[in-house]
Amino acid sequence: RIRVANDGLVPVQLLGRHWCIRNADGSVHAEVPKGSPGVVGQTPLLQPGQAFEYSSGTTFQTKGGSVEGSFQMVRLDDGRCFDAAVGRFECLPPVDNT
């Protein structure tokens, strides 16, 4: 699950996203271009203190990998756009306990 929270003081709206998806060996598996519209078909409006959660997934050519990127946002008080960076996070394969 991915959680986007508005920790600021003004309402914002998520307009787009950019993701760089890497295999465990560091090679680029896929890239979602900057400005790709919304997330899961939505462009959520977030009041201060609000959050939006959604589920997403990907496949890798190796056992696991990583994802990093950004969300393109707009402040609703003055219309200024900004990128909200998303630091690299690891995606691990499920553990087989059988």
Protein backbone atom coordinates (compact mmCIF):
# COMPACT_ATOMS: atom_id res chain seq x y z
CA ARG A 1 0.00 0.00 0.00
CA ILE A 2 1.06 3.55 -0.67
CA ARG A 3 0.02 6.42 1.60
CA VAL A 4 0.15 10.07 0.52
CA ALA A 5 -0.35 12.51 3.40
CA ASN A 6 -0.72 16.30 3.43
CA ASP A 7 1.48 17.45 6.30
CA GLY A 8 1.27 21.06 5.13
CA LEU A 9 -1.01 23.95 6.04
CA VAL A 10 -2.94 24.34 2.76
CA PRO A 11 -5.06 21.98 0.64
CA VAL A 12 -3.22 20.22 -2.20
CA GLN A 13 -4.17 17.96 -5.07
CA LEU A 14 -2.16 15.09 -6.50
CA LEU A 15 -1.96 15.57 -10.26
CA GLY A 16 0.59 13.01 -11.42
CA ARG A 17 3.43 10.71 -10.60
CA HIS A 18 6.86 9.50 -11.67
CA TRP A 19 8.34 6.13 -10.74
CA CYS A 20 11.67 4.50 -11.50
CA ILE A 21 11.38 0.75 -10.90
CA ARG A 22 14.66 -1.15 -10.56
CA ASN A 23 15.48 -4.83 -10.38
CA ALA A 24 17.53 -6.09 -7.43
CA ASP A 25 20.69 -5.85 -9.58
CA GLY A 26 20.08 -2.10 -10.10
CA SER A 27 18.99 -2.32 -13.73
CA VAL A 28 15.93 -0.27 -14.68
CA HIS A 29 12.93 -2.56 -15.09
CA ALA A 30 10.36 0.13 -15.92
CA GLU A 31 9.76 3.84 -15.64
CA VAL A 32 6.49 5.72 -15.28
CA PRO A 33 7.14 9.10 -16.94
CA LYS A 34 6.86 12.27 -14.87
CA GLY A 35 3.42 13.78 -15.17
CA SER A 36 1.63 10.47 -15.76
CA PRO A 37 -1.89 11.34 -14.61
CA GLY A 38 -3.07 10.63 -11.08
CA VAL A 39 -2.81 7.37 -9.20
CA VAL A 40 -5.16 4.42 -9.73
CA GLY A 41 -7.33 6.66 -11.90
CA GLN A 42 -7.73 9.33 -9.23
CA THR A 43 -6.37 12.81 -8.52
CA PRO A 44 -7.12 13.10 -4.81
CA LEU A 45 -7.59 16.45 -3.08
CA LEU A 46 -6.02 16.46 0.39
CA GLN A 47 -6.92 18.92 3.10
CA PRO A 48 -4.23 19.59 5.75
CA GLY A 49 -3.87 16.46 7.87
CA GLN A 50 -5.66 14.22 5.37
CA ALA A 51 -4.15 11.19 3.65
CA PHE A 52 -4.96 9.03 0.65
CA GLU A 53 -4.03 5.34 0.46
CA TYR A 54 -4.00 3.04 -2.52
CA SER A 55 -2.67 -0.34 -3.56
CA SER A 56 -0.29 -0.80 -6.44
CA GLY A 57 2.08 -3.48 -7.60
CA THR A 58 4.73 -4.37 -10.13
CA THR A 59 6.77 -7.31 -11.29
CA PHE A 60 10.54 -7.61 -11.40
CA GLN A 61 12.97 -9.61 -13.51
CA THR A 62 14.84 -10.51 -10.30
CA LYS A 63 13.77 -11.53 -6.81
CA GLY A 64 12.62 -8.15 -5.61
CA GLY A 65 13.83 -4.68 -6.44
CA SER A 66 13.21 -1.06 -5.53
CA VAL A 67 11.02 1.89 -6.46
CA GLU A 68 11.58 5.64 -6.14
CA GLY A 69 10.08 8.72 -7.70
CA SER A 70 7.75 11.61 -6.98
CA PHE A 71 4.19 12.87 -6.97
CA GLN A 72 3.36 16.05 -8.85
CA MET A 73 1.16 18.21 -6.63
CA VAL A 74 -0.58 21.59 -6.79
CA ARG A 75 -1.31 23.94 -3.90
CA LEU A 76 -4.96 24.92 -4.06
CA ASP A 77 -4.48 28.29 -2.37
CA ASP A 78 -2.19 29.81 -5.01
CA GLY A 79 -1.95 27.23 -7.83
CA ARG A 80 1.77 26.64 -7.39
CA CYS A 81 2.94 23.19 -8.46
CA PHE A 82 5.62 21.17 -6.72
CA ASP A 83 7.13 17.70 -6.68
CA ALA A 84 6.81 15.61 -3.53
CA ALA A 85 9.81 13.27 -3.60
CA VAL A 86 9.34 9.61 -2.71
CA GLY A 87 12.57 8.08 -1.44
CA ARG A 88 13.72 4.69 -2.59
CA PHE A 89 11.95 1.75 -0.97
CA GLU A 90 12.67 -1.95 -1.32
CA CYS A 91 10.16 -4.45 -2.66
CA LEU A 92 10.83 -7.96 -1.42
CA PRO A 93 9.33 -11.21 -2.66
CA PRO A 94 6.82 -12.94 -0.37
CA VAL A 95 8.25 -15.40 2.12
CA ASP A 96 7.29 -19.01 1.40
CA ASN A 97 6.58 -20.65 4.76
CA THR A 98 5.47 -23.99 3.32
